[in-house]
C-alpha atoms as a PDB file:
ATOM      1  CA  MET A   1      92.727 100.585 100.045  1.00  0.00           C
ATOM      2  CA  LEU A   2      95.500 103.236  98.874  1.00  0.00           C
ATOM      3  CA  ILE A   3      95.258 106.820 100.113  1.00  0.00           C
ATOM      4  CA  ALA A   4      97.514 109.577  98.411  1.00  0.00           C
ATOM      5  CA  GLN A   5      98.081 112.273 100.673  1.00  0.00           C
ATOM      6  CA  ILE A   6      99.050 115.771 100.008  1.00  0.00           C
ATOM      7  CA  SER A   7      99.377 119.340 102.325  1.00  0.00           C
ATOM      8  CA  ASP A   8     100.868 122.543 102.863  1.00  0.00           C
ATOM      9  CA  THR A   9     100.444 123.378  98.791  1.00  0.00           C
ATOM     10  CA  HIS A  10     100.652 127.227  99.919  1.00  0.00           C
ATOM     11  CA  ILE A  11      99.138 128.166  96.213  1.00  0.00           C
ATOM     12  CA  LEU A  12      98.881 131.885  95.500  1.00  0.00           C
ATOM     13  CA  ALA A  13      96.939 133.442  92.494  1.00  0.00           C
ATOM     14  CA  GLU A  14      97.867 132.664  89.327  1.00  0.00           C
ATOM     15  CA  ASP A  15      98.725 136.030  88.326  1.00  0.00           C
ATOM     16  CA  SER A  16     101.131 136.878  91.849  1.00  0.00           C
ATOM     17  CA  ASP A  17     104.795 138.164  90.532  1.00  0.00           C
ATOM     18  CA  LEU A  18     105.813 136.514  93.946  1.00  0.00           C
ATOM     19  CA  PRO A  19     108.934 134.546  93.163  1.00  0.00           C
ATOM     20  CA  GLU A  20     107.311 131.399  95.091  1.00  0.00           C
ATOM     21  CA  ALA A  21     104.126 131.461  93.507  1.00  0.00           C
ATOM     22  CA  GLN A  22     104.998 129.630  89.874  1.00  0.00           C
ATOM     23  CA  PRO A  23     106.963 126.782  91.280  1.00  0.00           C
ATOM     24  CA  ARG A  24     104.542 126.064  94.211  1.00  0.00           C
ATOM     25  CA  ALA A  25     101.999 125.574  91.406  1.00  0.00           C
ATOM     26  CA  GLU A  26     104.207 123.513  89.613  1.00  0.00           C
ATOM     27  CA  ASP A  27     105.023 121.332  92.686  1.00  0.00           C
ATOM     28  CA  LEU A  28     101.255 120.303  92.432  1.00  0.00           C
ATOM     29  CA  ARG A  29     101.005 120.021  89.307  1.00  0.00           C
ATOM     30  CA  ARG A  30     103.676 117.944  89.210  1.00  0.00           C
ATOM     31  CA  CYS A  31     101.947 115.715  91.854  1.00  0.00           C
ATOM     32  CA  ILE A  32      98.726 115.788  90.530  1.00  0.00           C
ATOM     33  CA  VAL A  33     100.329 114.020  87.286  1.00  0.00           C
ATOM     34  CA  ASP A  34     102.194 111.271  89.338  1.00  0.00           C
ATOM     35  CA  ILE A  35      99.032 110.585  90.981  1.00  0.00           C
ATOM     36  CA  ASN A  36      97.018 110.127  88.291  1.00  0.00           C
ATOM     37  CA  GLY A  37      99.466 107.600  86.996  1.00  0.00           C
ATOM     38  CA  LEU A  38     100.242 105.326  89.926  1.00  0.00           C
ATOM     39  CA  ASP A  39      98.788 101.438  89.058  1.00  0.00           C
ATOM     40  CA  PRO A  40      96.735 101.291  91.203  1.00  0.00           C
ATOM     41  CA  LEU A  41      95.254 104.554  91.346  1.00  0.00           C
ATOM     42  CA  PRO A  42      94.945 105.672  95.027  1.00  0.00           C
ATOM     43  CA  ASP A  43      90.912 105.168  96.118  1.00  0.00           C
ATOM     44  CA  VAL A  44      91.198 108.837  97.691  1.00  0.00           C
ATOM     45  CA  VAL A  45      93.419 111.819  97.637  1.00  0.00           C
ATOM     46  CA  ILE A  46      93.160 114.372 101.088  1.00  0.00           C
ATOM     47  CA  HIS A  47      94.895 117.343 102.037  1.00  0.00           C
ATOM     48  CA  SER A  48      95.424 118.327 105.034  1.00  0.00           C
ATOM     49  CA  GLY A  49      95.461 122.020 104.762  1.00  0.00           C
ATOM     50  CA  ASP A  50      97.209 125.143 103.833  1.00  0.00           C
ATOM     51  CA  THR A  51      95.650 124.854 100.592  1.00  0.00           C
ATOM     52  CA  VAL A  52      96.353 128.497  99.421  1.00  0.00           C
ATOM     53  CA  GLN A  53      98.831 131.409 100.898  1.00  0.00           C
ATOM     54  CA  THR A  54      96.632 134.534 101.505  1.00  0.00           C
ATOM     55  CA  GLY A  55      92.732 133.094 101.565  1.00  0.00           C
ATOM     56  CA  ALA A  56      92.231 135.248  98.398  1.00  0.00           C
ATOM     57  CA  ILE A  57      89.270 133.793  96.009  1.00  0.00           C
ATOM     58  CA  ALA A  58      92.154 134.527  93.337  1.00  0.00           C
ATOM     59  CA  ASP A  59      94.292 131.865  95.700  1.00  0.00           C
ATOM     60  CA  TYR A  60      91.355 129.875  95.445  1.00  0.00           C
ATOM     61  CA  ASN A  61      90.415 130.004  91.917  1.00  0.00           C
ATOM     62  CA  HIS A  62      93.907 129.134  90.961  1.00  0.00           C
ATOM     63  CA  LEU A  63      94.148 125.718  93.199  1.00  0.00           C
ATOM     64  CA  THR A  64      90.702 124.539  91.889  1.00  0.00           C
ATOM     65  CA  ALA A  65      91.959 124.793  88.062  1.00  0.00           C
ATOM     66  CA  LEU A  66      95.537 122.935  89.092  1.00  0.00           C
ATOM     67  CA  LEU A  67      92.954 120.288  91.193  1.00  0.00           C
ATOM     68  CA  ALA A  68      90.844 119.713  87.987  1.00  0.00           C
ATOM     69  CA  PRO A  69      92.636 117.234  86.528  1.00  0.00           C
ATOM     70  CA  LEU A  70      93.127 114.674  89.770  1.00  0.00           C
ATOM     71  CA  ARG A  71      91.147 111.492  89.111  1.00  0.00           C
ATOM     72  CA  PRO A  72      90.511 110.357  92.347  1.00  0.00           C
ATOM     73  CA  PRO A  73      88.126 111.731  94.695  1.00  0.00           C
ATOM     74  CA  LEU A  74      89.208 114.755  96.957  1.00  0.00           C
ATOM     75  CA  TYR A  75      88.576 115.564 100.410  1.00  0.00           C
ATOM     76  CA  LEU A  76      90.354 118.913 102.218  1.00  0.00           C
ATOM     77  CA  THR A  77      90.588 119.704 105.169  1.00  0.00           C
ATOM     78  CA  PRO A  78      91.470 123.251 106.008  1.00  0.00           C
ATOM     79  CA  GLY A  79      94.618 125.114 106.963  1.00  0.00           C
ATOM     80  CA  ASN A  80      95.681 127.987 109.087  1.00  0.00           C
ATOM     81  CA  ARG A  81      96.257 129.873 106.026  1.00  0.00           C
ATOM     82  CA  ASP A  82      92.986 129.015 104.660  1.00  0.00           C
ATOM     83  CA  HIS A  83      89.763 131.410 104.664  1.00  0.00           C
ATOM     84  CA  HIS A  84      87.083 129.211 106.498  1.00  0.00           C
ATOM     85  CA  ASP A  85      84.124 130.884 104.731  1.00  0.00           C
ATOM     86  CA  THR A  86      85.674 130.728 101.438  1.00  0.00           C
ATOM     87  CA  PHE A  87      87.375 126.988 101.344  1.00  0.00           C
ATOM     88  CA  ARG A  88      83.664 125.931 102.620  1.00  0.00           C
ATOM     89  CA  ALA A  89      82.177 127.524  99.733  1.00  0.00           C
ATOM     90  CA  MET A  90      84.743 126.532  97.050  1.00  0.00           C
ATOM     91  CA  PHE A  91      84.728 122.942  98.317  1.00  0.00           C
ATOM     92  CA  ASP A  92      81.552 121.069  99.231  1.00  0.00           C
ATOM     93  CA  ASN A  93      82.924 118.402 101.913  1.00  0.00           C
ATOM     94  CA  GLY A  94      79.419 117.670 103.405  1.00  0.00           C
ATOM     95  CA  SER A  95      80.207 119.835 106.921  1.00  0.00           C
ATOM     96  CA  GLY A  96      76.929 121.206 106.331  1.00  0.00           C
ATOM     97  CA  GLU A  97      75.555 124.060 108.567  1.00  0.00           C
ATOM     98  CA  GLN A  98      77.715 123.277 111.570  1.00  0.00           C
ATOM     99  CA  PRO A  99      80.423 125.970 112.207  1.00  0.00           C
ATOM    100  CA  PHE A 100      83.231 123.737 111.942  1.00  0.00           C
ATOM    101  CA  LEU A 101      84.496 121.684 108.504  1.00  0.00           C
ATOM    102  CA  HIS A 102      84.320 118.436 109.972  1.00  0.00           C
ATOM    103  CA  PHE A 103      82.907 115.679 108.049  1.00  0.00           C
ATOM    104  CA  VAL A 104      82.889 111.962 107.793  1.00  0.00           C
ATOM    105  CA  ILE A 105      83.530 109.726 104.906  1.00  0.00           C
ATOM    106  CA  ASP A 106      81.779 106.408 105.284  1.00  0.00           C
ATOM    107  CA  ASP A 107      82.245 105.259 101.247  1.00  0.00           C
ATOM    108  CA  PHE A 108      85.164 103.076 101.812  1.00  0.00           C
ATOM    109  CA  PRO A 109      86.008  99.722 103.701  1.00  0.00           C
ATOM    110  CA  VAL A 110      88.581 102.271 105.944  1.00  0.00           C
ATOM    111  CA  ARG A 111      86.255 104.975 107.394  1.00  0.00           C
ATOM    112  CA  LEU A 112      87.741 108.662 107.017  1.00  0.00           C
ATOM    113  CA  ILE A 113      86.690 111.679 109.595  1.00  0.00           C
ATOM    114  CA  ALA A 114      88.053 115.386 109.122  1.00  0.00           C
ATOM    115  CA  LEU A 115      88.910 117.294 111.431  1.00  0.00           C
ATOM    116  CA  ASP A 116      88.595 121.212 111.580  1.00  0.00           C
ATOM    117  CA  SER A 117      91.703 122.607 114.081  1.00  0.00           C
ATOM    118  CA  ILE A 118      91.255 126.122 112.336  1.00  0.00           C
ATOM    119  CA  ASP A 119      90.208 129.352 114.727  1.00  0.00           C
ATOM    120  CA  PRO A 120      90.145 132.001 112.002  1.00  0.00           C
ATOM    121  CA  GLY A 121      92.918 134.798 112.538  1.00  0.00           C
ATOM    122  CA  GLU A 122      94.817 132.171 115.144  1.00  0.00           C
ATOM    123  CA  ARG A 123      97.822 130.305 113.634  1.00  0.00           C
ATOM    124  CA  LYS A 124      97.832 127.646 116.185  1.00  0.00           C
ATOM    125  CA  GLY A 125      95.687 124.695 116.272  1.00  0.00           C
ATOM    126  CA  VAL A 126      92.045 125.021 118.374  1.00  0.00           C
ATOM    127  CA  PHE A 127      90.265 121.776 119.563  1.00  0.00           C
ATOM    128  CA  CYS A 128      87.394 122.897 121.634  1.00  0.00           C
ATOM    129  CA  ALA A 129      84.706 121.149 123.770  1.00  0.00           C
ATOM    130  CA  GLU A 130      82.410 121.516 121.039  1.00  0.00           C
ATOM    131  CA  ARG A 131      84.729 119.478 118.350  1.00  0.00           C
ATOM    132  CA  LEU A 132      85.346 116.843 120.891  1.00  0.00           C
ATOM    133  CA  ALA A 133      82.275 116.171 121.407  1.00  0.00           C
ATOM    134  CA  TRP A 134      81.270 116.201 117.611  1.00  0.00           C
ATOM    135  CA  LEU A 135      84.153 113.708 117.032  1.00  0.00           C
ATOM    136  CA  ASP A 136      82.882 111.568 120.353  1.00  0.00           C
ATOM    137  CA  GLU A 137      79.309 111.223 118.691  1.00  0.00           C
ATOM    138  CA  ALA A 138      81.177 110.385 114.994  1.00  0.00           C
ATOM    139  CA  LEU A 139      83.524 108.112 116.412  1.00  0.00           C
ATOM    140  CA  SER A 140      80.916 106.434 118.700  1.00  0.00           C
ATOM    141  CA  ALA A 141      78.723 105.604 115.821  1.00  0.00           C
ATOM    142  CA  ALA A 142      80.693 103.019 114.291  1.00  0.00           C
ATOM    143  CA  PRO A 143      82.896 101.397 117.112  1.00  0.00           C
ATOM    144  CA  ASN A 144      83.964  98.449 115.137  1.00  0.00           C
ATOM    145  CA  ARG A 145      85.147 100.171 111.709  1.00  0.00           C
ATOM    146  CA  PRO A 146      88.666 101.196 111.305  1.00  0.00           C
ATOM    147  CA  THR A 147      88.974 104.802 110.808  1.00  0.00           C
ATOM    148  CA  ILE A 148      91.484 107.405 109.634  1.00  0.00           C
ATOM    149  CA  LEU A 149      91.443 110.758 111.220  1.00  0.00           C
ATOM    150  CA  PHE A 150      93.033 113.743 109.133  1.00  0.00           C
ATOM    151  CA  MET A 151      93.253 117.314 109.978  1.00  0.00           C
ATOM    152  CA  HIS A 152      95.693 120.575 109.954  1.00  0.00           C
ATOM    153  CA  HIS A 153      97.928 120.844 113.069  1.00  0.00           C
ATOM    154  CA  PRO A 154      99.267 117.935 115.123  1.00  0.00           C
ATOM    155  CA  PRO A 155      98.714 117.587 118.699  1.00  0.00           C
ATOM    156  CA  PHE A 156     101.794 117.115 119.308  1.00  0.00           C
ATOM    157  CA  ASP A 157     105.605 118.370 119.030  1.00  0.00           C
ATOM    158  CA  VAL A 158     107.620 117.753 116.008  1.00  0.00           C
ATOM    159  CA  GLY A 159     110.907 118.972 114.836  1.00  0.00           C
ATOM    160  CA  PRO A 160     113.010 122.046 116.408  1.00  0.00           C
ATOM    161  CA  ARG A 161     110.174 124.356 115.302  1.00  0.00           C
ATOM    162  CA  PHE A 162     106.854 122.877 115.825  1.00  0.00           C
ATOM    163  CA  ILE A 163     106.295 123.028 119.568  1.00  0.00           C
ATOM    164  CA  ASP A 164     103.350 123.737 121.499  1.00  0.00           C
ATOM    165  CA  GLY A 165     101.401 124.337 118.269  1.00  0.00           C
ATOM    166  CA  TYR A 166      97.788 124.772 120.202  1.00  0.00           C
ATOM    167  CA  ARG A 167      96.494 127.613 121.616  1.00  0.00           C
ATOM    168  CA  ASN A 168      95.546 125.902 124.568  1.00  0.00           C
ATOM    169  CA  LEU A 169      97.859 122.895 125.236  1.00  0.00           C
ATOM    170  CA  ALA A 170      94.647 121.309 127.032  1.00  0.00           C
ATOM    171  CA  ASP A 171      93.036 120.854 123.799  1.00  0.00           C
ATOM    172  CA  ARG A 172      95.832 118.415 122.230  1.00  0.00           C
ATOM    173  CA  ASP A 173      95.503 116.672 125.468  1.00  0.00           C
ATOM    174  CA  ALA A 174      91.803 116.317 125.629  1.00  0.00           C
ATOM    175  CA  LEU A 175      91.788 114.881 122.248  1.00  0.00           C
ATOM    176  CA  ALA A 176      94.560 112.646 122.706  1.00  0.00           C
ATOM    177  CA  ALA A 177      92.395 111.243 125.370  1.00  0.00           C
ATOM    178  CA  LEU A 178      89.077 111.043 123.525  1.00  0.00           C
ATOM    179  CA  VAL A 179      91.088 109.005 120.978  1.00  0.00           C
ATOM    180  CA  ALA A 180      92.715 106.793 123.196  1.00  0.00           C
ATOM    181  CA  ARG A 181      89.206 105.298 124.183  1.00  0.00           C
ATOM    182  CA  HIS A 182      88.206 105.200 120.561  1.00  0.00           C
ATOM    183  CA  PRO A 183      90.503 102.351 119.551  1.00  0.00           C
ATOM    184  CA  GLN A 184      88.860 101.824 115.991  1.00  0.00           C
ATOM    185  CA  VAL A 185      91.313 104.824 115.095  1.00  0.00           C
ATOM    186  CA  ARG A 186      94.143 103.189 113.024  1.00  0.00           C
ATOM    187  CA  ARG A 187      95.979 106.418 112.499  1.00  0.00           C
ATOM    188  CA  LEU A 188      95.492 110.360 112.419  1.00  0.00           C
ATOM    189  CA  MET A 189      97.495 112.616 109.292  1.00  0.00           C
ATOM    190  CA  CYS A 190      98.436 115.866 110.015  1.00  0.00           C
ATOM    191  CA  GLY A 191     100.125 118.507 107.851  1.00  0.00           C
ATOM    192  CA  HIS A 192     101.098 122.018 109.106  1.00  0.00           C
ATOM    193  CA  CYS A 193     104.826 121.568 110.249  1.00  0.00           C
ATOM    194  CA  HIS A 194     106.224 120.957 106.829  1.00  0.00           C
ATOM    195  CA  ARG A 195     107.829 117.707 107.735  1.00  0.00           C
ATOM    196  CA  SER A 196     107.491 114.072 107.732  1.00  0.00           C
ATOM    197  CA  SER A 197     107.564 112.516 110.723  1.00  0.00           C
ATOM    198  CA  LEU A 198     105.543 109.181 112.439  1.00  0.00           C
ATOM    199  CA  ARG A 199     105.096 108.293 115.963  1.00  0.00           C
ATOM    200  CA  ALA A 200     102.684 106.158 118.686  1.00  0.00           C
ATOM    201  CA  TRP A 201     100.160 108.836 119.824  1.00  0.00           C
ATOM    202  CA  ALA A 202      96.680 108.139 121.858  1.00  0.00           C
ATOM    203  CA  GLY A 203      97.262 104.312 121.407  1.00  0.00           C
ATOM    204  CA  THR A 204      97.469 104.749 117.738  1.00  0.00           C
ATOM    205  CA  GLU A 205      99.703 106.049 115.117  1.00  0.00           C
ATOM    206  CA  ALA A 206     100.284 109.774 113.986  1.00  0.00           C
ATOM    207  CA  SER A 207     102.186 110.967 111.007  1.00  0.00           C
ATOM    208  CA  THR A 208     102.957 114.371 109.404  1.00  0.00           C
ATOM    209  CA  MET A 209     104.295 114.914 105.708  1.00  0.00           C
ATOM    210  CA  ALA A 210     106.635 117.446 104.179  1.00  0.00           C
ATOM    211  CA  SER A 211     105.043 119.972 102.709  1.00  0.00           C
ATOM    212  CA  VAL A 212     104.214 119.980  98.744  1.00  0.00           C
ATOM    213  CA  ALA A 213     105.711 123.127  98.690  1.00  0.00           C
ATOM    214  CA  ARG A 214     109.349 122.838  98.252  1.00  0.00           C
ATOM    215  CA  ASP A 215     109.770 126.322  99.723  1.00  0.00           C
ATOM    216  CA  VAL A 216     108.657 125.738 103.184  1.00  0.00           C
ATOM    217  CA  ARG A 217     109.655 122.345 103.487  1.00  0.00           C
ATOM    218  CA  GLU A 218     111.633 120.720 106.641  1.00  0.00           C
ATOM    219  CA  GLY A 219     113.796 117.739 107.109  1.00  0.00           C
ATOM    220  CA  VAL A 220     114.686 116.968 103.524  1.00  0.00           C
ATOM    221  CA  ASP A 221     117.954 117.179 101.863  1.00  0.00           C
ATOM    222  CA  VAL A 222     117.645 120.345  99.917  1.00  0.00           C
ATOM    223  CA  VAL A 223     121.254 119.082  97.936  1.00  0.00           C
ATOM    224  CA  ARG A 224     119.573 115.935  96.655  1.00  0.00           C
ATOM    225  CA  PHE A 225     116.254 116.725  96.438  1.00  0.00           C
ATOM    226  CA  ALA A 226     115.460 120.568  95.775  1.00  0.00           C
ATOM    227  CA  GLU A 227     114.190 120.321  92.552  1.00  0.00           C
ATOM    228  CA  THR A 228     111.992 117.099  93.644  1.00  0.00           C
ATOM    229  CA  PRO A 229     108.305 117.458  94.712  1.00  0.00           C
ATOM    230  CA  MET A 230     107.055 114.847  97.526  1.00  0.00           C
ATOM    231  CA  TYR A 231     103.394 113.135  98.776  1.00  0.00           C
ATOM    232  CA  GLN A 232     102.764 110.529 100.971  1.00  0.00           C
ATOM    233  CA  LEU A 233     101.039 106.895  99.824  1.00  0.00           C
ATOM    234  CA  HIS A 234      99.405 105.482 102.681  1.00  0.00           C
ATOM    235  CA  ALA A 235      98.231 101.485 101.967  1.00  0.00           C
ATOM    236  CA  VAL A 236      95.809 100.743 104.243  1.00  0.00           C
ATOM    237  CA  SER A 237      94.932  97.172 104.917  1.00  0.00           C
ATOM    238  CA  GLU A 238      91.441  95.450 105.432  1.00  0.00           C
ATOM    239  CA  ASP A 239      91.817  96.012 109.175  1.00  0.00           C
ATOM    240  CA  GLY A 240      93.192  99.453 108.923  1.00  0.00           C
ATOM    241  CA  ALA A 241      96.876  98.883 109.472  1.00  0.00           C
ATOM    242  CA  VAL A 242      98.635 101.596 107.795  1.00  0.00           C
ATOM    243  CA  THR A 243     101.542 101.517 106.096  1.00  0.00           C
ATOM    244  CA  THR A 244     102.866 104.833 104.881  1.00  0.00           C
ATOM    245  CA  GLN A 245     105.822 105.885 101.678  1.00  0.00           C
ATOM    246  CA  THR A 246     106.761 109.097 100.874  1.00  0.00           C
ATOM    247  CA  ARG A 247     106.779 109.317  96.764  1.00  0.00           C
ATOM    248  CA  LEU A 248     109.175 111.268  95.282  1.00  0.00           C
ATOM    249  CA  VAL A 249     107.696 112.736  92.036  1.00  0.00           C
ATOM    250  CA  SER A 250     110.316 112.738  89.057  1.00  0.00           C
ATOM    251  CA  ASP A 251     110.075 114.882  86.030  1.00  0.00           C
ATOM    252  CA  SER A 252     107.016 115.079  84.638  1.00  0.00           C
END
């Protein structure tokens, strides 16, 4: 199984006059062209949040137009820049009427679970007892199936700037303890911190990725890669082992 991950696209309205608006749209467009040209084509694309910048409907209209040419199926989870209700209305992700935008994708050999770490108006991550209970039930429903989780806020520190990234640090400790009880979890994939990382976490692995939006990326050589969008490709074996590469997008 092959998963393409994009994150932190921070798209603005098509008619925005902000200087970063057009380059961000072009970064996403180039990533989509590159993904569509891969052979083999990814089985799925996941977006780990901060899809837009302001949460305005005009941002989302531009985002959906940019995403429309994508060939593989796309699943998105919200970031703190996303507007919860608008995000739910724009992307039918199977979360139903529950308050959180969690959902399970059972269509592939490896199970995918999207998690909502957002509390409207809060920049930091939140993973309350109700969310923990939902995840525990979802994981308990298929204990023998390799599973990958994806969410916006990494429940650990990353780099010099993303420190104590949860409103309540006990939330991230409780999430780690829960995941450690479910050994079928093979990877947690996150966004938010705008930089790539890979680490051991909760008895499994966790990763973050650089933002698709180049102007807010961190941990990337700005001289060599200033004009180069990038995203991640995750090759997943039958037993759920994940091998990750950062894909550099050439001119297209």
